[in-house]
Amino acid sequence: MIKIIERKIIKASPIEDNENNYREYFKEVIPLVDNVEGSLVECGFGKGKTANIFTNFMLDEIIQKRNMHFYDSFTGFPTPSKEDKSERNPQKGNGRCLLKKLRR
């Protein structure tokens, strides 16, 4: 689902949480904003699934190369508010990732 909220803000999400769906989803959505100058910033890096997809798109020249910045607390989601309601149904702690597991 792609929803234009404001002129330069696009809110969208893949329906199923698997890497092939993410890859196809981003292949369709990223070109919509590829002409916007600046860095790519991901808040909520997790295990790096989306970062790998973006990097591969840049290497395969699907999107332009740009600086990438990733931020994460690795503590997972905070307690959801009513604005966080979605098909994903996020819960407190979802997405938590232990750094020692990432280093393996």
PDB file of N, CA and C in Angstrom:
ATOM      1  N   MET A   1       0.851  -1.176   0.000  1.00  0.00           N
ATOM      2  CA  MET A   1       0.000   0.000   0.000  1.00  0.00           C
ATOM      3  C   MET A   1       0.891   1.231   0.000  1.00  0.00           C
ATOM      4  N   ILE A   2       0.687   2.130  -0.931  1.00  0.00           N
ATOM      5  CA  ILE A   2       1.449   3.376  -1.003  1.00  0.00           C
ATOM      6  C   ILE A   2       0.487   4.525  -0.789  1.00  0.00           C
ATOM      7  N   LYS A   3       0.855   5.403   0.117  1.00  0.00           N
ATOM      8  CA  LYS A   3      -0.017   6.525   0.456  1.00  0.00           C
ATOM      9  C   LYS A   3       0.822   7.797   0.474  1.00  0.00           C
ATOM     10  N   ILE A   4       0.498   8.744  -0.360  1.00  0.00           N
ATOM     11  CA  ILE A   4       1.197  10.032  -0.356  1.00  0.00           C
ATOM     12  C   ILE A   4       0.592  10.876   0.757  1.00  0.00           C
ATOM     13  N   ILE A   5       1.395  11.222   1.754  1.00  0.00           N
ATOM     14  CA  ILE A   5       0.903  11.996   2.892  1.00  0.00           C
ATOM     15  C   ILE A   5       1.092  13.487   2.633  1.00  0.00           C
ATOM     16  N   GLU A   6       2.272  13.867   2.219  1.00  0.00           N
ATOM     17  CA  GLU A   6       2.565  15.241   1.838  1.00  0.00           C
ATOM     18  C   GLU A   6       3.386  15.172   0.569  1.00  0.00           C
ATOM     19  N   ARG A   7       3.711  16.286   0.039  1.00  0.00           N
ATOM     20  CA  ARG A   7       4.425  16.321  -1.234  1.00  0.00           C
ATOM     21  C   ARG A   7       5.686  15.467  -1.241  1.00  0.00           C
ATOM     22  N   LYS A   8       6.446  15.467  -0.151  1.00  0.00           N
ATOM     23  CA  LYS A   8       7.712  14.737  -0.123  1.00  0.00           C
ATOM     24  C   LYS A   8       7.709  13.593   0.884  1.00  0.00           C
ATOM     25  N   ILE A   9       6.565  13.169   1.368  1.00  0.00           N
ATOM     26  CA  ILE A   9       6.502  12.071   2.333  1.00  0.00           C
ATOM     27  C   ILE A   9       5.656  10.950   1.749  1.00  0.00           C
ATOM     28  N   ILE A  10       6.222   9.773   1.704  1.00  0.00           N
ATOM     29  CA  ILE A  10       5.494   8.607   1.233  1.00  0.00           C
ATOM     30  C   ILE A  10       5.481   7.585   2.363  1.00  0.00           C
ATOM     31  N   LYS A  11       4.319   7.099   2.706  1.00  0.00           N
ATOM     32  CA  LYS A  11       4.193   6.085   3.755  1.00  0.00           C
ATOM     33  C   LYS A  11       3.678   4.814   3.092  1.00  0.00           C
ATOM     34  N   ALA A  12       4.433   3.749   3.239  1.00  0.00           N
ATOM     35  CA  ALA A  12       4.048   2.502   2.595  1.00  0.00           C
ATOM     36  C   ALA A  12       4.662   1.343   3.359  1.00  0.00           C
ATOM     37  N   SER A  13       4.126   0.154   3.151  1.00  0.00           N
ATOM     38  CA  SER A  13       4.703  -1.018   3.787  1.00  0.00           C
ATOM     39  C   SER A  13       4.354  -2.271   3.003  1.00  0.00           C
ATOM     40  N   PRO A  14       5.298  -3.228   2.976  1.00  0.00           N
ATOM     41  CA  PRO A  14       4.995  -4.498   2.330  1.00  0.00           C
ATOM     42  C   PRO A  14       3.991  -5.266   3.178  1.00  0.00           C
ATOM     43  N   ILE A  15       3.181  -6.078   2.534  1.00  0.00           N
ATOM     44  CA  ILE A  15       2.131  -6.806   3.252  1.00  0.00           C
ATOM     45  C   ILE A  15       2.702  -7.946   4.079  1.00  0.00           C
ATOM     46  N   GLU A  16       3.608  -8.736   3.518  1.00  0.00           N
ATOM     47  CA  GLU A  16       4.180  -9.860   4.241  1.00  0.00           C
ATOM     48  C   GLU A  16       5.631  -9.562   4.570  1.00  0.00           C
ATOM     49  N   ASP A  17       6.060 -10.039   5.738  1.00  0.00           N
ATOM     50  CA  ASP A  17       7.401  -9.743   6.229  1.00  0.00           C
ATOM     51  C   ASP A  17       8.388 -10.831   5.795  1.00  0.00           C
ATOM     52  N   ASN A  18       8.726 -10.855   4.508  1.00  0.00           N
ATOM     53  CA  ASN A  18       9.813 -11.732   4.074  1.00  0.00           C
ATOM     54  C   ASN A  18      10.663 -10.975   3.067  1.00  0.00           C
ATOM     55  N   GLU A  19      11.904 -11.428   2.908  1.00  0.00           N
ATOM     56  CA  GLU A  19      12.871 -10.638   2.146  1.00  0.00           C
ATOM     57  C   GLU A  19      12.499 -10.457   0.678  1.00  0.00           C
ATOM     58  N   ASN A  20      11.918 -11.478   0.041  1.00  0.00           N
ATOM     59  CA  ASN A  20      11.519 -11.326  -1.365  1.00  0.00           C
ATOM     60  C   ASN A  20      10.447 -10.267  -1.528  1.00  0.00           C
ATOM     61  N   ASN A  21       9.466 -10.237  -0.622  1.00  0.00           N
ATOM     62  CA  ASN A  21       8.429  -9.203  -0.692  1.00  0.00           C
ATOM     63  C   ASN A  21       9.038  -7.822  -0.472  1.00  0.00           C
ATOM     64  N   TYR A  22       9.970  -7.708   0.493  1.00  0.00           N
ATOM     65  CA  TYR A  22      10.626  -6.429   0.734  1.00  0.00           C
ATOM     66  C   TYR A  22      11.377  -5.971  -0.515  1.00  0.00           C
ATOM     67  N   ARG A  23      12.127  -6.893  -1.123  1.00  0.00           N
ATOM     68  CA  ARG A  23      12.927  -6.536  -2.299  1.00  0.00           C
ATOM     69  C   ARG A  23      12.031  -6.026  -3.428  1.00  0.00           C
ATOM     70  N   GLU A  24      10.948  -6.731  -3.720  1.00  0.00           N
ATOM     71  CA  GLU A  24      10.036  -6.312  -4.787  1.00  0.00           C
ATOM     72  C   GLU A  24       9.326  -5.009  -4.430  1.00  0.00           C
ATOM     73  N   TYR A  25       8.939  -4.884  -3.186  1.00  0.00           N
ATOM     74  CA  TYR A  25       8.285  -3.665  -2.704  1.00  0.00           C
ATOM     75  C   TYR A  25       9.204  -2.461  -2.890  1.00  0.00           C
ATOM     76  N   PHE A  26      10.443  -2.569  -2.403  1.00  0.00           N
ATOM     77  CA  PHE A  26      11.365  -1.446  -2.509  1.00  0.00           C
ATOM     78  C   PHE A  26      11.771  -1.180  -3.955  1.00  0.00           C
ATOM     79  N   LYS A  27      11.826  -2.204  -4.781  1.00  0.00           N
ATOM     80  CA  LYS A  27      12.157  -2.008  -6.194  1.00  0.00           C
ATOM     81  C   LYS A  27      11.107  -1.126  -6.867  1.00  0.00           C
ATOM     82  N   GLU A  28       9.888  -1.197  -6.368  1.00  0.00           N
ATOM     83  CA  GLU A  28       8.797  -0.391  -6.914  1.00  0.00           C
ATOM     84  C   GLU A  28       8.739   1.007  -6.282  1.00  0.00           C
ATOM     85  N   VAL A  29       9.014   1.094  -4.996  1.00  0.00           N
ATOM     86  CA  VAL A  29       8.824   2.351  -4.256  1.00  0.00           C
ATOM     87  C   VAL A  29      10.037   3.280  -4.316  1.00  0.00           C
ATOM     88  N   ILE A  30      11.236   2.752  -4.180  1.00  0.00           N
ATOM     89  CA  ILE A  30      12.442   3.588  -4.112  1.00  0.00           C
ATOM     90  C   ILE A  30      12.599   4.498  -5.338  1.00  0.00           C
ATOM     91  N   PRO A  31      12.341   4.019  -6.566  1.00  0.00           N
ATOM     92  CA  PRO A  31      12.485   4.934  -7.710  1.00  0.00           C
ATOM     93  C   PRO A  31      11.577   6.171  -7.628  1.00  0.00           C
ATOM     94  N   LEU A  32      10.511   6.099  -6.841  1.00  0.00           N
ATOM     95  CA  LEU A  32       9.627   7.262  -6.693  1.00  0.00           C
ATOM     96  C   LEU A  32      10.336   8.441  -6.035  1.00  0.00           C
ATOM     97  N   VAL A  33      11.353   8.149  -5.229  1.00  0.00           N
ATOM     98  CA  VAL A  33      12.069   9.219  -4.532  1.00  0.00           C
ATOM     99  C   VAL A  33      13.557   9.237  -4.858  1.00  0.00           C
ATOM    100  N   ASP A  34      13.975   8.446  -5.843  1.00  0.00           N
ATOM    101  CA  ASP A  34      15.400   8.348  -6.158  1.00  0.00           C
ATOM    102  C   ASP A  34      15.985   9.659  -6.656  1.00  0.00           C
ATOM    103  N   ASN A  35      15.164  10.547  -7.197  1.00  0.00           N
ATOM    104  CA  ASN A  35      15.680  11.826  -7.693  1.00  0.00           C
ATOM    105  C   ASN A  35      15.807  12.873  -6.589  1.00  0.00           C
ATOM    106  N   VAL A  36      15.401  12.552  -5.363  1.00  0.00           N
ATOM    107  CA  VAL A  36      15.558  13.470  -4.230  1.00  0.00           C
ATOM    108  C   VAL A  36      17.006  13.393  -3.754  1.00  0.00           C
ATOM    109  N   GLU A  37      17.665  14.547  -3.658  1.00  0.00           N
ATOM    110  CA  GLU A  37      19.055  14.578  -3.215  1.00  0.00           C
ATOM    111  C   GLU A  37      19.162  14.269  -1.733  1.00  0.00           C
ATOM    112  N   GLY A  38      20.303  13.723  -1.331  1.00  0.00           N
ATOM    113  CA  GLY A  38      20.577  13.505   0.079  1.00  0.00           C
ATOM    114  C   GLY A  38      20.950  12.065   0.379  1.00  0.00           C
ATOM    115  N   SER A  39      21.155  11.820   1.644  1.00  0.00           N
ATOM    116  CA  SER A  39      21.549  10.502   2.121  1.00  0.00           C
ATOM    117  C   SER A  39      20.330   9.640   2.386  1.00  0.00           C
ATOM    118  N   LEU A  40      20.567   8.358   2.456  1.00  0.00           N
ATOM    119  CA  LEU A  40      19.524   7.423   2.846  1.00  0.00           C
ATOM    120  C   LEU A  40      19.694   7.167   4.338  1.00  0.00           C
ATOM    121  N   VAL A  41      18.644   7.356   5.112  1.00  0.00           N
ATOM    122  CA  VAL A  41      18.689   7.160   6.556  1.00  0.00           C
ATOM    123  C   VAL A  41      17.663   6.110   6.935  1.00  0.00           C
ATOM    124  N   GLU A  42      18.111   5.115   7.694  1.00  0.00           N
ATOM    125  CA  GLU A  42      17.181   4.101   8.189  1.00  0.00           C
ATOM    126  C   GLU A  42      17.175   4.150   9.710  1.00  0.00           C
ATOM    127  N   CYS A  43      16.008   4.373  10.260  1.00  0.00           N
ATOM    128  CA  CYS A  43      15.834   4.375  11.711  1.00  0.00           C
ATOM    129  C   CYS A  43      15.165   3.054  12.083  1.00  0.00           C
ATOM    130  N   GLY A  44      15.898   2.232  12.805  1.00  0.00           N
ATOM    131  CA  GLY A  44      15.430   0.893  13.096  1.00  0.00           C
ATOM    132  C   GLY A  44      16.124  -0.102  12.183  1.00  0.00           C
ATOM    133  N   PHE A  45      17.432  -0.188  12.293  1.00  0.00           N
ATOM    134  CA  PHE A  45      18.280  -1.003  11.431  1.00  0.00           C
ATOM    135  C   PHE A  45      18.068  -2.498  11.635  1.00  0.00           C
ATOM    136  N   GLY A  46      17.856  -2.930  12.875  1.00  0.00           N
ATOM    137  CA  GLY A  46      17.616  -4.341  13.179  1.00  0.00           C
ATOM    138  C   GLY A  46      18.751  -5.227  12.730  1.00  0.00           C
ATOM    139  N   LYS A  47      18.429  -6.244  11.952  1.00  0.00           N
ATOM    140  CA  LYS A  47      19.433  -7.204  11.482  1.00  0.00           C
ATOM    141  C   LYS A  47      20.005  -6.825  10.124  1.00  0.00           C
ATOM    142  N   GLY A  48      19.573  -5.694   9.564  1.00  0.00           N
ATOM    143  CA  GLY A  48      20.162  -5.179   8.337  1.00  0.00           C
ATOM    144  C   GLY A  48      19.516  -5.652   7.049  1.00  0.00           C
ATOM    145  N   LYS A  49      18.328  -6.251   7.123  1.00  0.00           N
ATOM    146  CA  LYS A  49      17.666  -6.761   5.919  1.00  0.00           C
ATOM    147  C   LYS A  49      17.441  -5.651   4.897  1.00  0.00           C
ATOM    148  N   THR A  50      16.867  -4.542   5.314  1.00  0.00           N
ATOM    149  CA  THR A  50      16.583  -3.443   4.396  1.00  0.00           C
ATOM    150  C   THR A  50      17.879  -2.792   3.920  1.00  0.00           C
ATOM    151  N   ALA A  51      18.852  -2.654   4.804  1.00  0.00           N
ATOM    152  CA  ALA A  51      20.141  -2.072   4.417  1.00  0.00           C
ATOM    153  C   ALA A  51      20.800  -2.896   3.320  1.00  0.00           C
ATOM    154  N   ASN A  52      20.730  -4.212   3.415  1.00  0.00           N
ATOM    155  CA  ASN A  52      21.293  -5.069   2.376  1.00  0.00           C
ATOM    156  C   ASN A  52      20.567  -4.887   1.048  1.00  0.00           C
ATOM    157  N   ILE A  53      19.254  -4.760   1.108  1.00  0.00           N
ATOM    158  CA  ILE A  53      18.475  -4.554  -0.111  1.00  0.00           C
ATOM    159  C   ILE A  53      18.876  -3.234  -0.773  1.00  0.00           C
ATOM    160  N   PHE A  54      18.945  -2.147   0.015  1.00  0.00           N
ATOM    161  CA  PHE A  54      19.326  -0.841  -0.540  1.00  0.00           C
ATOM    162  C   PHE A  54      20.737  -0.900  -1.133  1.00  0.00           C
ATOM    163  N   THR A  55      21.658  -1.526  -0.427  1.00  0.00           N
ATOM    164  CA  THR A  55      23.037  -1.630  -0.916  1.00  0.00           C
ATOM    165  C   THR A  55      23.090  -2.381  -2.237  1.00  0.00           C
ATOM    166  N   ASN A  56      22.362  -3.496  -2.313  1.00  0.00           N
ATOM    167  CA  ASN A  56      22.339  -4.258  -3.563  1.00  0.00           C
ATOM    168  C   ASN A  56      21.718  -3.455  -4.703  1.00  0.00           C
ATOM    169  N   PHE A  57      20.678  -2.687  -4.416  1.00  0.00           N
ATOM    170  CA  PHE A  57      20.069  -1.838  -5.454  1.00  0.00           C
ATOM    171  C   PHE A  57      21.077  -0.817  -5.968  1.00  0.00           C
ATOM    172  N   MET A  58      21.875  -0.252  -5.065  1.00  0.00           N
ATOM    173  CA  MET A  58      22.887   0.714  -5.491  1.00  0.00           C
ATOM    174  C   MET A  58      23.962   0.031  -6.328  1.00  0.00           C
ATOM    175  N   LEU A  59      24.424  -1.133  -5.884  1.00  0.00           N
ATOM    176  CA  LEU A  59      25.461  -1.856  -6.624  1.00  0.00           C
ATOM    177  C   LEU A  59      24.959  -2.320  -7.991  1.00  0.00           C
ATOM    178  N   ASP A  60      23.679  -2.669  -8.072  1.00  0.00           N
ATOM    179  CA  ASP A  60      23.082  -3.099  -9.342  1.00  0.00           C
ATOM    180  C   ASP A  60      22.574  -1.924 -10.172  1.00  0.00           C
ATOM    181  N   GLU A  61      22.798  -0.702  -9.672  1.00  0.00           N
ATOM    182  CA  GLU A  61      22.405   0.542 -10.350  1.00  0.00           C
ATOM    183  C   GLU A  61      20.907   0.655 -10.592  1.00  0.00           C
ATOM    184  N   ILE A  62      20.122   0.077  -9.703  1.00  0.00           N
ATOM    185  CA  ILE A  62      18.667   0.250  -9.737  1.00  0.00           C
ATOM    186  C   ILE A  62      18.322   1.629  -9.182  1.00  0.00           C
ATOM    187  N   ILE A  63      19.104   2.057  -8.193  1.00  0.00           N
ATOM    188  CA  ILE A  63      18.958   3.404  -7.628  1.00  0.00           C
ATOM    189  C   ILE A  63      20.345   4.038  -7.591  1.00  0.00           C
ATOM    190  N   GLN A  64      20.371   5.367  -7.466  1.00  0.00           N
ATOM    191  CA  GLN A  64      21.652   6.060  -7.434  1.00  0.00           C
ATOM    192  C   GLN A  64      22.397   5.757  -6.139  1.00  0.00           C
ATOM    193  N   LYS A  65      23.718   5.788  -6.209  1.00  0.00           N
ATOM    194  CA  LYS A  65      24.533   5.574  -5.020  1.00  0.00           C
ATOM    195  C   LYS A  65      24.481   6.830  -4.175  1.00  0.00           C
ATOM    196  N   ARG A  66      24.415   6.632  -2.873  1.00  0.00           N
ATOM    197  CA  ARG A  66      24.377   7.754  -1.936  1.00  0.00           C
ATOM    198  C   ARG A  66      24.902   7.283  -0.589  1.00  0.00           C
ATOM    199  N   ASN A  67      25.201   8.227   0.280  1.00  0.00           N
ATOM    200  CA  ASN A  67      25.612   7.878   1.633  1.00  0.00           C
ATOM    201  C   ASN A  67      24.438   7.246   2.363  1.00  0.00           C
ATOM    202  N   MET A  68      24.759   6.289   3.245  1.00  0.00           N
ATOM    203  CA  MET A  68      23.718   5.617   4.029  1.00  0.00           C
ATOM    204  C   MET A  68      24.066   5.740   5.502  1.00  0.00           C
ATOM    205  N   HIS A  69      23.055   6.029   6.320  1.00  0.00           N
ATOM    206  CA  HIS A  69      23.228   6.150   7.773  1.00  0.00           C
ATOM    207  C   HIS A  69      22.181   5.273   8.433  1.00  0.00           C
ATOM    208  N   PHE A  70      22.615   4.474   9.427  1.00  0.00           N
ATOM    209  CA  PHE A  70      21.701   3.552  10.096  1.00  0.00           C
ATOM    210  C   PHE A  70      21.722   3.791  11.599  1.00  0.00           C
ATOM    211  N   TYR A  71      20.537   3.820  12.183  1.00  0.00           N
ATOM    212  CA  TYR A  71      20.399   4.071  13.611  1.00  0.00           C
ATOM    213  C   TYR A  71      19.471   3.030  14.221  1.00  0.00           C
ATOM    214  N   ASP A  72      19.829   2.532  15.403  1.00  0.00           N
ATOM    215  CA  ASP A  72      18.968   1.581  16.093  1.00  0.00           C
ATOM    216  C   ASP A  72      19.341   1.539  17.564  1.00  0.00           C
ATOM    217  N   SER A  73      18.344   1.395  18.405  1.00  0.00           N
ATOM    218  CA  SER A  73      18.595   1.211  19.837  1.00  0.00           C
ATOM    219  C   SER A  73      18.814  -0.270  20.142  1.00  0.00           C
ATOM    220  N   PHE A  74      18.404  -1.145  19.254  1.00  0.00           N
ATOM    221  CA  PHE A  74      18.436  -2.596  19.388  1.00  0.00           C
ATOM    222  C   PHE A  74      17.612  -3.102  20.572  1.00  0.00           C
ATOM    223  N   THR A  75      16.724  -2.245  21.083  1.00  0.00           N
ATOM    224  CA  THR A  75      15.858  -2.653  22.196  1.00  0.00           C
ATOM    225  C   THR A  75      14.451  -2.996  21.725  1.00  0.00           C
ATOM    226  N   GLY A  76      14.197  -2.849  20.443  1.00  0.00           N
ATOM    227  CA  GLY A  76      12.863  -3.151  19.920  1.00  0.00           C
ATOM    228  C   GLY A  76      11.940  -1.958  20.021  1.00  0.00           C
ATOM    229  N   PHE A  77      10.707  -2.203  19.583  1.00  0.00           N
ATOM    230  CA  PHE A  77       9.709  -1.131  19.595  1.00  0.00           C
ATOM    231  C   PHE A  77       9.342  -0.724  21.011  1.00  0.00           C
ATOM    232  N   PRO A  78       9.036   0.562  21.216  1.00  0.00           N
ATOM    233  CA  PRO A  78       8.475   0.982  22.499  1.00  0.00           C
ATOM    234  C   PRO A  78       7.005   0.535  22.564  1.00  0.00           C
ATOM    235  N   THR A  79       6.357   0.807  23.663  1.00  0.00           N
ATOM    236  CA  THR A  79       4.935   0.489  23.769  1.00  0.00           C
ATOM    237  C   THR A  79       4.189   1.234  22.669  1.00  0.00           C
ATOM    238  N   PRO A  80       3.428   0.508  21.842  1.00  0.00           N
ATOM    239  CA  PRO A  80       2.750   1.166  20.722  1.00  0.00           C
ATOM    240  C   PRO A  80       1.650   2.126  21.171  1.00  0.00           C
ATOM    241  N   SER A  81       1.487   3.194  20.398  1.00  0.00           N
ATOM    242  CA  SER A  81       0.393   4.132  20.629  1.00  0.00           C
ATOM    243  C   SER A  81      -0.724   3.802  19.647  1.00  0.00           C
ATOM    244  N   LYS A  82      -1.815   4.509  19.725  1.00  0.00           N
ATOM    245  CA  LYS A  82      -2.928   4.245  18.802  1.00  0.00           C
ATOM    246  C   LYS A  82      -2.520   4.525  17.357  1.00  0.00           C
ATOM    247  N   GLU A  83      -1.550   5.435  17.132  1.00  0.00           N
ATOM    248  CA  GLU A  83      -1.084   5.747  15.783  1.00  0.00           C
ATOM    249  C   GLU A  83      -0.262   4.607  15.188  1.00  0.00           C
ATOM    250  N   ASP A  84       0.189   3.679  16.017  1.00  0.00           N
ATOM    251  CA  ASP A  84       1.015   2.568  15.547  1.00  0.00           C
ATOM    252  C   ASP A  84       0.200   1.365  15.086  1.00  0.00           C
ATOM    253  N   LYS A  85      -1.105   1.459  15.156  1.00  0.00           N
ATOM    254  CA  LYS A  85      -1.953   0.335  14.752  1.00  0.00           C
ATOM    255  C   LYS A  85      -1.795   0.080  13.256  1.00  0.00           C
ATOM    256  N   SER A  86      -1.568  -1.177  12.897  1.00  0.00           N
ATOM    257  CA  SER A  86      -1.418  -1.558  11.504  1.00  0.00           C
ATOM    258  C   SER A  86      -1.609  -3.062  11.383  1.00  0.00           C
ATOM    259  N   GLU A  87      -1.522  -3.570  10.158  1.00  0.00           N
ATOM    260  CA  GLU A  87      -1.620  -5.004   9.935  1.00  0.00           C
ATOM    261  C   GLU A  87      -0.486  -5.749  10.624  1.00  0.00           C
ATOM    262  N   ARG A  88       0.659  -5.091  10.786  1.00  0.00           N
ATOM    263  CA  ARG A  88       1.807  -5.732  11.453  1.00  0.00           C
ATOM    264  C   ARG A  88       1.569  -5.902  12.946  1.00  0.00           C
ATOM    265  N   ASN A  89       0.692  -5.070  13.531  1.00  0.00           N
ATOM    266  CA  ASN A  89       0.373  -5.134  14.956  1.00  0.00           C
ATOM    267  C   ASN A  89       1.628  -5.135  15.833  1.00  0.00           C
ATOM    268  N   PRO A  90       2.436  -4.075  15.764  1.00  0.00           N
ATOM    269  CA  PRO A  90       3.682  -4.056  16.537  1.00  0.00           C
ATOM    270  C   PRO A  90       3.418  -4.103  18.040  1.00  0.00           C
ATOM    271  N   GLN A  91       4.274  -4.826  18.734  1.00  0.00           N
ATOM    272  CA  GLN A  91       4.187  -4.940  20.182  1.00  0.00           C
ATOM    273  C   GLN A  91       5.498  -4.482  20.801  1.00  0.00           C
ATOM    274  N   LYS A  92       5.441  -4.069  22.059  1.00  0.00           N
ATOM    275  CA  LYS A  92       6.642  -3.625  22.750  1.00  0.00           C
ATOM    276  C   LYS A  92       7.697  -4.731  22.698  1.00  0.00           C
ATOM    277  N   GLY A  93       8.908  -4.340  22.294  1.00  0.00           N
ATOM    278  CA  GLY A  93      10.019  -5.280  22.235  1.00  0.00           C
ATOM    279  C   GLY A  93      10.182  -5.972  20.894  1.00  0.00           C
ATOM    280  N   ASN A  94       9.170  -5.916  20.005  1.00  0.00           N
ATOM    281  CA  ASN A  94       9.337  -6.514  18.669  1.00  0.00           C
ATOM    282  C   ASN A  94      10.533  -5.862  17.995  1.00  0.00           C
ATOM    283  N   GLY A  95      11.324  -6.658  17.320  1.00  0.00           N
ATOM    284  CA  GLY A  95      12.483  -6.124  16.617  1.00  0.00           C
ATOM    285  C   GLY A  95      13.724  -6.042  17.479  1.00  0.00           C
ATOM    286  N   ARG A  96      13.618  -6.481  18.733  1.00  0.00           N
ATOM    287  CA  ARG A  96      14.778  -6.442  19.620  1.00  0.00           C
ATOM    288  C   ARG A  96      15.867  -7.329  19.036  1.00  0.00           C
ATOM    289  N   CYS A  97      17.087  -6.847  19.094  1.00  0.00           N
ATOM    290  CA  CYS A  97      18.200  -7.577  18.495  1.00  0.00           C
ATOM    291  C   CYS A  97      19.414  -7.439  19.400  1.00  0.00           C
ATOM    292  N   LEU A  98      19.930  -8.551  19.863  1.00  0.00           N
ATOM    293  CA  LEU A  98      21.118  -8.520  20.715  1.00  0.00           C
ATOM    294  C   LEU A  98      22.362  -8.329  19.856  1.00  0.00           C
ATOM    295  N   LEU A  99      23.199  -7.384  20.248  1.00  0.00           N
ATOM    296  CA  LEU A  99      24.392  -7.074  19.460  1.00  0.00           C
ATOM    297  C   LEU A  99      25.310  -8.276  19.324  1.00  0.00           C
ATOM    298  N   LYS A 100      25.426  -9.112  20.368  1.00  0.00           N
ATOM    299  CA  LYS A 100      26.321 -10.254  20.258  1.00  0.00           C
ATOM    300  C   LYS A 100      25.838 -11.247  19.194  1.00  0.00           C
ATOM    301  N   LYS A 101      24.522 -11.306  18.940  1.00  0.00           N
ATOM    302  CA  LYS A 101      24.013 -12.161  17.873  1.00  0.00           C
ATOM    303  C   LYS A 101      24.364 -11.582  16.506  1.00  0.00           C
ATOM    304  N   LEU A 102      24.412 -10.256  16.397  1.00  0.00           N
ATOM    305  CA  LEU A 102      24.752  -9.618  15.115  1.00  0.00           C
ATOM    306  C   LEU A 102      26.221  -9.830  14.756  1.00  0.00           C
ATOM    307  N   ARG A 103      27.061  -9.978  15.756  1.00  0.00           N
ATOM    308  CA  ARG A 103      28.500 -10.077  15.511  1.00  0.00           C
ATOM    309  C   ARG A 103      28.907 -11.458  15.030  1.00  0.00           C
ATOM    310  N   ARG A 104      28.041 -12.432  15.087  1.00  0.00           N
ATOM    311  CA  ARG A 104      28.404 -13.799  14.665  1.00  0.00           C
ATOM    312  C   ARG A 104      28.611 -13.899  13.209  1.00  0.00           C
TER     313      ARG A 104
END
